[in-house]
Amino acid sequence: QVQLVESGGGLVQPGGSLSLSCAASGSGFGIAVMGWYRQAPGNERELVAAWVVGGTTTYADAVKGRFTIAKDSAKNTVFLEMNSLKPEDTAVYYCYLDVLGPYARSWGQGTQVTVSS
């Protein structure tokens, strides 16, 4: 069983920065992918960024050049650095983890990010 605990988020003005983190705990699993989705009211959940085993990263077009995902291997923690935030980045951000081996995905509880003046 994998547990994900998110931290960070909050309220920031347009153009500002926020950092999110997601720590994975449990035993007997390897990490294939860790990343973030987000969901704004009335919208479907969308992929924001992901870290893939081996170090490859991927980003949604809407956040490329502004967001950076990084993973601390020693702590099984993934970070999302968000810069130049825009009102359209406002959403609940969900951390997720796909394990190595048979497909299984775990989700964090979600953290609110609000970009507003």
Protein backbone atom coordinates (compact mmCIF):
# COMPACT_ATOMS: atom_id res chain seq x y z
CA GLN A 1 0.00 0.00 0.00
CA VAL A 2 1.39 3.36 -1.05
CA GLN A 3 0.49 6.54 0.78
CA LEU A 4 1.05 9.98 -0.69
CA VAL A 5 1.17 13.10 1.44
CA GLU A 6 1.14 16.47 -0.28
CA SER A 7 2.19 19.83 1.06
CA GLY A 8 2.43 23.32 -0.28
CA GLY A 9 -0.14 25.22 -2.26
CA GLY A 10 -2.09 28.23 -1.16
CA LEU A 11 -2.89 31.68 -2.47
CA VAL A 12 -0.49 33.66 -4.63
CA GLN A 13 -0.72 36.71 -6.84
CA PRO A 14 -0.34 36.44 -10.61
CA GLY A 15 3.32 36.24 -11.52
CA GLY A 16 4.21 34.70 -8.20
CA SER A 17 5.66 31.32 -7.29
CA LEU A 18 4.63 28.32 -5.24
CA SER A 19 6.14 24.95 -4.50
CA LEU A 20 4.37 21.66 -3.96
CA SER A 21 5.82 18.49 -2.56
CA CYS A 22 4.56 14.92 -2.41
CA ALA A 23 6.11 12.26 -0.20
CA ALA A 24 5.48 8.58 -0.84
CA SER A 25 5.56 6.04 1.95
CA GLY A 26 4.91 2.34 2.24
CA SER A 27 6.91 -0.76 1.54
CA GLY A 28 7.59 -3.18 -1.23
CA PHE A 29 7.15 -0.90 -4.18
CA GLY A 30 9.27 0.70 -6.83
CA ILE A 31 8.38 3.95 -8.51
CA ALA A 32 7.74 4.02 -12.22
CA VAL A 33 6.17 7.48 -12.44
CA MET A 34 5.42 10.28 -10.00
CA GLY A 35 3.73 13.46 -10.98
CA TRP A 36 0.90 15.93 -10.71
CA TYR A 37 -2.52 16.36 -12.19
CA ARG A 38 -4.78 19.32 -11.59
CA GLN A 39 -8.50 19.89 -11.76
CA ALA A 40 -10.23 23.24 -11.95
CA PRO A 41 -13.97 23.61 -11.25
CA GLY A 42 -15.98 22.36 -14.19
CA ASN A 43 -12.93 20.92 -15.91
CA GLU A 44 -11.56 17.42 -16.28
CA ARG A 45 -8.45 16.40 -14.41
CA GLU A 46 -5.39 17.12 -16.55
CA LEU A 47 -1.77 16.06 -16.38
CA VAL A 48 0.56 18.87 -15.32
CA ALA A 49 3.97 17.23 -15.04
CA ALA A 50 5.51 13.84 -14.48
CA TRP A 51 8.84 12.29 -13.57
CA VAL A 52 9.52 8.89 -15.13
CA VAL A 53 11.98 6.30 -13.85
CA GLY A 54 15.33 7.02 -15.44
CA GLY A 55 14.87 10.74 -15.02
CA THR A 56 12.73 11.74 -17.97
CA THR A 57 10.26 14.53 -17.28
CA THR A 58 7.20 15.63 -19.18
CA TYR A 59 5.03 18.73 -18.96
CA ALA A 60 1.72 19.96 -20.20
CA ASP A 61 2.13 22.60 -22.89
CA ALA A 62 0.36 25.14 -20.67
CA VAL A 63 3.09 24.95 -18.01
CA LYS A 64 6.25 24.37 -20.04
CA GLY A 65 8.94 26.86 -19.14
CA ARG A 66 7.15 27.87 -15.94
CA PHE A 67 6.90 24.67 -13.89
CA THR A 68 9.69 22.31 -12.95
CA ILE A 69 9.29 18.80 -11.53
CA ALA A 70 12.08 17.12 -9.63
CA LYS A 71 12.41 13.99 -7.56
CA ASP A 72 14.47 13.27 -4.47
CA SER A 73 15.29 9.58 -4.79
CA ALA A 74 16.49 9.19 -1.23
CA LYS A 75 13.19 10.44 0.17
CA ASN A 76 10.75 9.18 -2.50
CA THR A 77 9.53 12.74 -2.78
CA VAL A 78 8.58 14.70 -5.84
CA PHE A 79 8.54 18.48 -6.00
CA LEU A 80 6.75 20.85 -8.32
CA GLU A 81 8.19 24.34 -8.56
CA MET A 82 5.65 26.69 -10.11
CA ASN A 83 6.77 30.10 -11.36
CA SER A 84 5.08 32.91 -13.27
CA LEU A 85 1.74 31.66 -12.06
CA LYS A 86 -1.40 32.69 -13.91
CA PRO A 87 -5.05 32.79 -12.79
CA GLU A 88 -5.70 29.84 -15.11
CA ASP A 89 -3.33 27.75 -13.00
CA THR A 90 -5.91 27.87 -10.22
CA ALA A 91 -6.97 24.31 -9.44
CA VAL A 92 -6.71 21.46 -6.99
CA TYR A 93 -3.38 19.75 -7.62
CA TYR A 94 -3.18 15.99 -7.10
CA CYS A 95 0.00 14.01 -6.73
CA TYR A 96 0.05 10.52 -8.20
CA LEU A 97 2.38 7.53 -8.26
CA ASP A 98 2.51 4.56 -10.63
CA VAL A 99 4.40 1.59 -9.28
CA LEU A 100 6.81 -0.66 -11.15
CA GLY A 101 5.32 -3.96 -12.21
CA PRO A 102 1.58 -4.62 -12.51
CA TYR A 103 -0.23 -1.32 -13.01
CA ALA A 104 -1.34 0.37 -9.82
CA ARG A 105 -1.83 4.10 -9.28
CA SER A 106 -2.07 5.92 -5.97
CA TRP A 107 -3.34 9.46 -5.46
CA GLY A 108 -2.69 12.16 -2.94
CA GLN A 109 -5.49 14.02 -1.21
CA GLY A 110 -5.13 17.14 -3.34
CA THR A 111 -3.96 20.62 -2.48
CA GLN A 112 -5.54 23.89 -3.55
CA VAL A 113 -3.57 26.40 -5.58
CA THR A 114 -5.25 29.77 -6.11
CA VAL A 115 -3.74 32.48 -8.27
CA SER A 116 -5.55 35.74 -7.76
CA SER A 117 -4.91 39.39 -7.07
